[in-house]
Structure formats: C-alpha cells, structure tokens
Amino acid sequence: MNEVFRRNSVKMNLTSLAFSNYSFSYERAIARKITLVGGYSFTPETEAGSIPFISKALEMGEAATEDDSEEAQEITDILEDATVSSNAFTGEIRFYTGKKPGARGFYASVYGRYATFNLSHMYVYEDDLDFEYDLPITAKMSGFGGGVMLGAQWLIAKRVTFDWYIVGGHYGKLTGDFSAKTDLTMMPEGDRADLEADIEEVFTIGDKKYVDATVKDNGMFGKMNGPFAGIRGLGFNIGIAF
C-alpha cells in the first residue's frame, strides 16, 4: 500500500509567540522531496527589547559596556526605550532526506527574507548649559538578505505536521530614513554639529559609520545603511497537511 503524499501544509510558528511575533507559512511540494515555502510574519508595536534580533544587540551592547564603551551604553539605552513594529516576507526552497515521500525528514534549505521596521524613540539632547532638547525620533527601515537553514519535519498525526528548524541564519543589507521633527531654530550651530556627531558616533562601530545625520531648523533628519542579519534556531511550527 502506497503512503499518502500530502503536497500542501499551512503552519504557525509557536516559538515566535513568546516574542510577540506572529508567523505563518505555506509549504508546497514541487517534487517528491523538494518543497517551496512562503512565509509572512509581523510584530505589532512593542518594546524593542522583546524583538529577537534587537534583544541580541542589547546583550552585545551590555557586554561591550562592561569594557567602558559609552557608545555601546547609548545604543542599549536607545533600544531599551524604543518601540518597534515589523513585517517580514520569506521565500524558501527545501531539500528533504529520507525514504518517506513528501515534506518529512531532515532538510536543508536556502531562503531569502525582506523585512520592514518602524521605530520610535524620544531622544534627549543636553547642551553644555544643561538645556535639554526633546527629539521624537521616528525611523523606517527595510532589509533584504539571504541565508541557509537546517531542520526536520514529521507528520505526527494523519494531517498534523511538526516542523523543527534547528539552526540557520541570514545576512544582507538594511537601509532606512529617520527624522525628529521639532523646532530647533534656537539651537546654536555648535550644538547642532555636536548633536549630529553624537548620533553618528552612537552608530559607529570601529571605523564604520552606519548613520548620517543632519540638523536643521525644523528638526533632525538622517539615513541609515548597515547589515541585516538574523539567526534562526530551535524554533517550532505546528501545521495542517492536505
């Protein structure tokens, strides 16, 4: 008797729920042991520290702060106080092992991901006379990258799939714009230059600057250009096969 070869499945990521992220995917077999996967995930507005890749950056920043890195502490403070929302689209091709037909067994995959992020943060600049300027920063970023992943999937009931991605990661480019619209007509030119330098220094790692800032009468504006990296590891999806 031939085993049933179910070509389709829809799944929900259970692990991401712990990070206020809602992730869904559709998988379609295009050959006996090769499938295509399309995924969509979103995070409603939430504290930036609860986003997986940002929380990792916070850990790195805290570690660097132990070495008296003022810039690392500033990055950590900004991310802890910021709010973020995101959307991500993922396209993936999987190659399964094993004798059983369909999307079962261990697999290796290649994937691409496009994501957008909206961030808001109240940045307070203090001049030499202890006068404070409130700068309501809003940023829009988008990133595209590619990567690889290893995992395994089983049919644990007649139509129930359990998808375990073991380890993976992607790398690409992240770009964006930010603004902090406020009245800065009374800010002296020297303080404007200092503010620009402060923001750019916070996001300079080594000799690589990831932010260009400009201060005008109507606020601060800038562009971001940096790496888009992420890790996928020890995650679980539950789904329905048909």
Protein backbone atom coordinates (compact mmCIF):
# COMPACT_ATOMS: atom_id res chain seq x y z
CA MET A 1 0.00 0.00 0.00
CA ASN A 2 1.44 3.39 -1.03
CA GLU A 3 1.75 6.10 1.64
CA VAL A 4 -0.32 9.23 1.22
CA PHE A 5 1.77 12.01 -0.33
CA ARG A 6 0.37 15.27 1.03
CA ARG A 7 1.66 18.14 -1.07
CA ASN A 8 0.49 21.12 0.99
CA SER A 9 0.64 22.38 4.54
CA VAL A 10 -0.13 25.59 6.41
CA LYS A 11 1.78 26.26 9.61
CA MET A 12 2.08 28.63 12.54
CA ASN A 13 5.31 29.33 14.40
CA LEU A 14 4.84 28.61 18.10
CA THR A 15 8.25 29.85 19.28
CA SER A 16 7.84 33.37 17.92
CA LEU A 17 4.72 33.92 20.02
CA ALA A 18 6.98 34.36 23.03
CA PHE A 19 8.40 37.47 21.32
CA SER A 20 5.00 38.97 20.36
CA ASN A 21 5.69 37.93 16.78
CA TYR A 22 3.03 36.17 14.69
CA SER A 23 4.44 33.99 11.93
CA PHE A 24 2.61 31.87 9.33
CA SER A 25 3.79 29.85 6.34
CA TYR A 26 2.53 27.76 3.43
CA GLU A 27 4.56 24.84 2.08
CA ARG A 28 4.03 23.18 -1.29
CA ALA A 29 5.80 20.10 -2.66
CA ILE A 30 7.11 20.57 -6.21
CA ALA A 31 8.85 17.19 -6.33
CA ARG A 32 8.92 14.06 -4.17
CA LYS A 33 11.40 15.56 -1.64
CA ILE A 34 11.62 19.24 -2.68
CA THR A 35 9.26 21.96 -1.46
CA LEU A 36 8.72 25.69 -1.71
CA VAL A 37 7.78 27.69 1.39
CA GLY A 38 6.27 31.15 1.58
CA GLY A 39 6.09 32.88 4.95
CA TYR A 40 4.76 36.07 6.48
CA SER A 41 5.33 37.39 9.99
CA PHE A 42 4.50 40.59 11.79
CA THR A 43 5.11 42.20 15.14
CA PRO A 44 2.62 44.82 16.35
CA GLU A 45 4.08 47.87 18.07
CA THR A 46 6.02 46.62 21.07
CA GLU A 47 9.12 47.33 23.14
CA ALA A 48 12.22 46.92 21.00
CA GLY A 49 13.94 44.77 23.61
CA SER A 50 11.42 41.98 23.02
CA ILE A 51 12.34 41.67 19.31
CA PRO A 52 14.75 38.71 18.94
CA PHE A 53 17.49 40.35 16.85
CA ILE A 54 17.29 43.59 18.86
CA SER A 55 17.45 41.77 22.19
CA LYS A 56 20.62 40.10 20.91
CA ALA A 57 22.04 43.53 20.10
CA LEU A 58 21.18 44.65 23.63
CA GLU A 59 23.10 41.70 25.07
CA MET A 60 26.10 42.59 22.91
CA GLY A 61 25.82 46.23 23.94
CA GLU A 62 25.70 45.34 27.63
CA ALA A 63 28.77 43.13 27.21
CA ALA A 64 30.61 45.97 25.49
CA THR A 65 29.53 48.37 28.22
CA GLU A 66 31.44 46.25 30.72
CA ASP A 67 34.53 47.39 28.81
CA ASP A 68 33.54 51.05 29.42
CA SER A 69 32.11 51.62 25.93
CA GLU A 70 29.99 54.78 26.16
CA GLU A 71 28.62 54.26 22.63
CA ALA A 72 27.50 50.73 23.47
CA GLN A 73 25.64 52.00 26.53
CA GLU A 74 23.90 54.68 24.44
CA ILE A 75 22.80 52.09 21.87
CA THR A 76 21.49 49.91 24.68
CA ASP A 77 19.56 52.81 26.26
CA ILE A 78 18.03 53.84 22.92
CA LEU A 79 16.90 50.32 22.07
CA GLU A 80 15.51 49.65 25.54
CA ASP A 81 13.31 52.76 25.39
CA ALA A 82 12.24 52.45 21.75
CA THR A 83 9.08 50.88 20.34
CA VAL A 84 9.17 48.83 17.14
CA SER A 85 6.76 47.20 14.71
CA SER A 86 7.77 44.96 11.82
CA ASN A 87 6.64 42.93 8.82
CA ALA A 88 8.64 40.20 7.08
CA PHE A 89 8.23 38.06 3.97
CA THR A 90 10.27 34.89 3.46
CA GLY A 91 10.71 32.68 0.41
CA GLU A 92 12.41 29.32 0.84
CA ILE A 93 13.28 26.11 -1.04
CA ARG A 94 13.77 22.94 0.99
CA PHE A 95 15.52 19.67 0.16
CA TYR A 96 14.38 16.75 2.31
CA THR A 97 16.15 13.49 3.13
CA GLY A 98 14.65 10.10 3.95
CA LYS A 99 12.69 7.41 2.15
CA LYS A 100 9.19 8.60 3.06
CA PRO A 101 7.55 10.75 0.40
CA GLY A 102 6.71 14.40 0.88
CA ALA A 103 7.91 17.04 3.34
CA ARG A 104 9.17 14.62 6.00
CA GLY A 105 12.60 14.02 7.44
CA PHE A 106 15.63 16.23 7.88
CA TYR A 107 16.04 19.07 5.42
CA ALA A 108 18.42 21.77 4.27
CA SER A 109 17.03 24.98 2.84
CA VAL A 110 18.02 28.21 1.13
CA TYR A 111 15.88 31.28 1.80
CA GLY A 112 15.54 34.97 1.19
CA ARG A 113 13.88 37.48 3.52
CA TYR A 114 12.55 41.00 3.09
CA ALA A 115 11.54 42.91 6.22
CA THR A 116 10.37 46.39 7.16
CA PHE A 117 10.65 48.04 10.57
CA ASN A 118 9.12 51.15 12.13
CA LEU A 119 10.85 52.52 15.22
CA SER A 120 10.06 55.43 17.52
CA HIS A 121 12.13 56.83 20.37
CA MET A 122 12.34 60.07 22.36
CA TYR A 123 15.98 61.15 22.25
CA VAL A 124 17.00 63.88 24.72
CA TYR A 125 19.98 66.05 23.82
CA GLU A 126 21.56 68.11 26.60
CA ASP A 127 23.86 71.03 25.71
CA ASP A 128 26.78 72.40 27.73
CA LEU A 129 24.41 74.67 29.69
CA ASP A 130 22.24 71.69 30.71
CA PHE A 131 19.42 72.81 28.42
CA GLU A 132 17.52 69.82 27.05
CA TYR A 133 16.04 69.34 23.57
CA ASP A 134 13.42 66.62 23.12
CA LEU A 135 13.80 64.89 19.74
CA PRO A 136 10.91 62.50 18.88
CA ILE A 137 12.75 60.16 16.51
CA THR A 138 10.75 58.01 14.07
CA ALA A 139 12.55 55.66 11.71
CA LYS A 140 11.53 53.46 8.79
CA MET A 141 13.90 50.71 7.72
CA SER A 142 13.87 47.86 5.24
CA GLY A 143 16.23 44.94 4.91
CA PHE A 144 16.83 42.16 2.41
CA GLY A 145 19.06 39.16 2.92
CA GLY A 146 19.63 35.53 2.12
CA GLY A 147 20.64 32.54 4.18
CA VAL A 148 20.55 28.82 4.85
CA MET A 149 18.83 26.65 7.42
CA LEU A 150 18.77 23.06 8.69
CA GLY A 151 15.70 21.45 10.21
CA ALA A 152 13.42 18.45 10.40
CA GLN A 153 9.72 17.85 9.87
CA TRP A 154 7.44 14.98 10.81
CA LEU A 155 3.83 14.05 10.22
CA ILE A 156 2.84 13.43 13.85
CA ALA A 157 -0.80 12.64 13.08
CA LYS A 158 -2.80 11.94 9.94
CA ARG A 159 -2.82 15.62 8.96
CA VAL A 160 -0.68 17.32 11.63
CA THR A 161 2.89 18.37 10.90
CA PHE A 162 5.63 19.29 13.36
CA ASP A 163 8.39 21.42 11.81
CA TRP A 164 11.56 21.93 13.86
CA TYR A 165 14.12 24.33 12.45
CA ILE A 166 17.38 23.52 14.17
CA VAL A 167 19.82 26.21 13.10
CA GLY A 168 20.14 28.83 10.38
CA GLY A 169 20.82 32.43 9.63
CA HIS A 170 20.78 35.14 7.01
CA TYR A 171 22.78 38.22 6.10
CA GLY A 172 22.05 41.18 3.87
CA LYS A 173 21.62 44.94 3.80
CA LEU A 174 19.46 47.24 5.92
CA THR A 175 18.64 50.79 4.83
CA GLY A 176 16.30 53.46 6.11
CA ASP A 177 15.48 57.05 6.96
CA PHE A 178 14.77 58.73 10.26
CA SER A 179 13.50 62.10 11.39
CA ALA A 180 12.88 64.01 14.60
CA LYS A 181 10.66 66.93 13.66
CA THR A 182 10.80 69.69 16.24
CA ASP A 183 11.62 73.41 16.46
CA LEU A 184 15.41 73.83 16.65
CA THR A 185 15.64 77.41 15.40
CA MET A 186 17.16 78.49 18.72
CA MET A 187 19.84 75.78 18.76
CA PRO A 188 23.31 77.27 18.11
CA GLU A 189 25.36 75.98 15.19
CA GLY A 190 27.92 74.48 17.54
CA ASP A 191 25.27 72.42 19.33
CA ARG A 192 23.83 71.32 16.00
CA ALA A 193 27.22 69.98 14.97
CA ASP A 194 27.60 68.28 18.35
CA LEU A 195 24.16 66.65 18.05
CA GLU A 196 24.96 65.35 14.58
CA ALA A 197 28.27 63.98 15.83
CA ASP A 198 26.63 62.37 18.89
CA ILE A 199 24.03 60.50 16.84
CA GLU A 200 26.57 59.36 14.25
CA GLU A 201 29.05 58.28 16.93
CA VAL A 202 26.45 56.13 18.67
CA PHE A 203 26.03 54.11 15.47
CA THR A 204 29.71 53.91 14.53
CA ILE A 205 31.36 50.55 15.11
CA GLY A 206 35.10 50.53 14.68
CA ASP A 207 35.74 52.81 11.72
CA LYS A 208 32.39 52.04 10.06
CA LYS A 209 29.66 54.67 10.32
CA TYR A 210 26.09 53.40 9.81
CA VAL A 211 24.15 56.67 10.23
CA ASP A 212 24.41 60.10 8.59
CA ALA A 213 22.57 62.85 10.48
CA THR A 214 21.67 66.44 9.58
CA VAL A 215 20.22 69.02 11.97
CA LYS A 216 18.00 71.79 10.56
CA ASP A 217 15.68 74.45 11.96
CA ASN A 218 12.73 72.04 11.76
CA GLY A 219 14.45 69.06 13.34
CA MET A 220 16.97 66.30 12.79
CA PHE A 221 17.00 64.03 9.73
CA GLY A 222 19.18 61.21 8.58
CA LYS A 223 19.80 57.99 6.70
CA MET A 224 20.84 54.55 7.88
CA ASN A 225 22.84 51.97 5.99
CA GLY A 226 24.03 48.80 7.68
CA PRO A 227 23.92 45.00 7.84
CA PHE A 228 20.70 42.98 8.01
CA ALA A 229 21.47 39.83 9.95
CA GLY A 230 19.37 37.27 11.75
CA ILE A 231 19.60 33.86 13.39
CA ARG A 232 17.00 31.11 13.15
CA GLY A 233 17.44 28.42 15.74
CA LEU A 234 15.44 25.98 17.85
CA GLY A 235 12.03 27.06 16.57
CA PHE A 236 8.85 25.03 16.22
CA ASN A 237 5.96 25.17 13.77
CA ILE A 238 2.72 23.24 14.01
CA GLY A 239 0.63 22.79 10.90
CA ILE A 240 -2.10 21.06 8.94
CA ALA A 241 -1.22 18.97 5.86
CA PHE A 242 -3.62 18.43 2.98
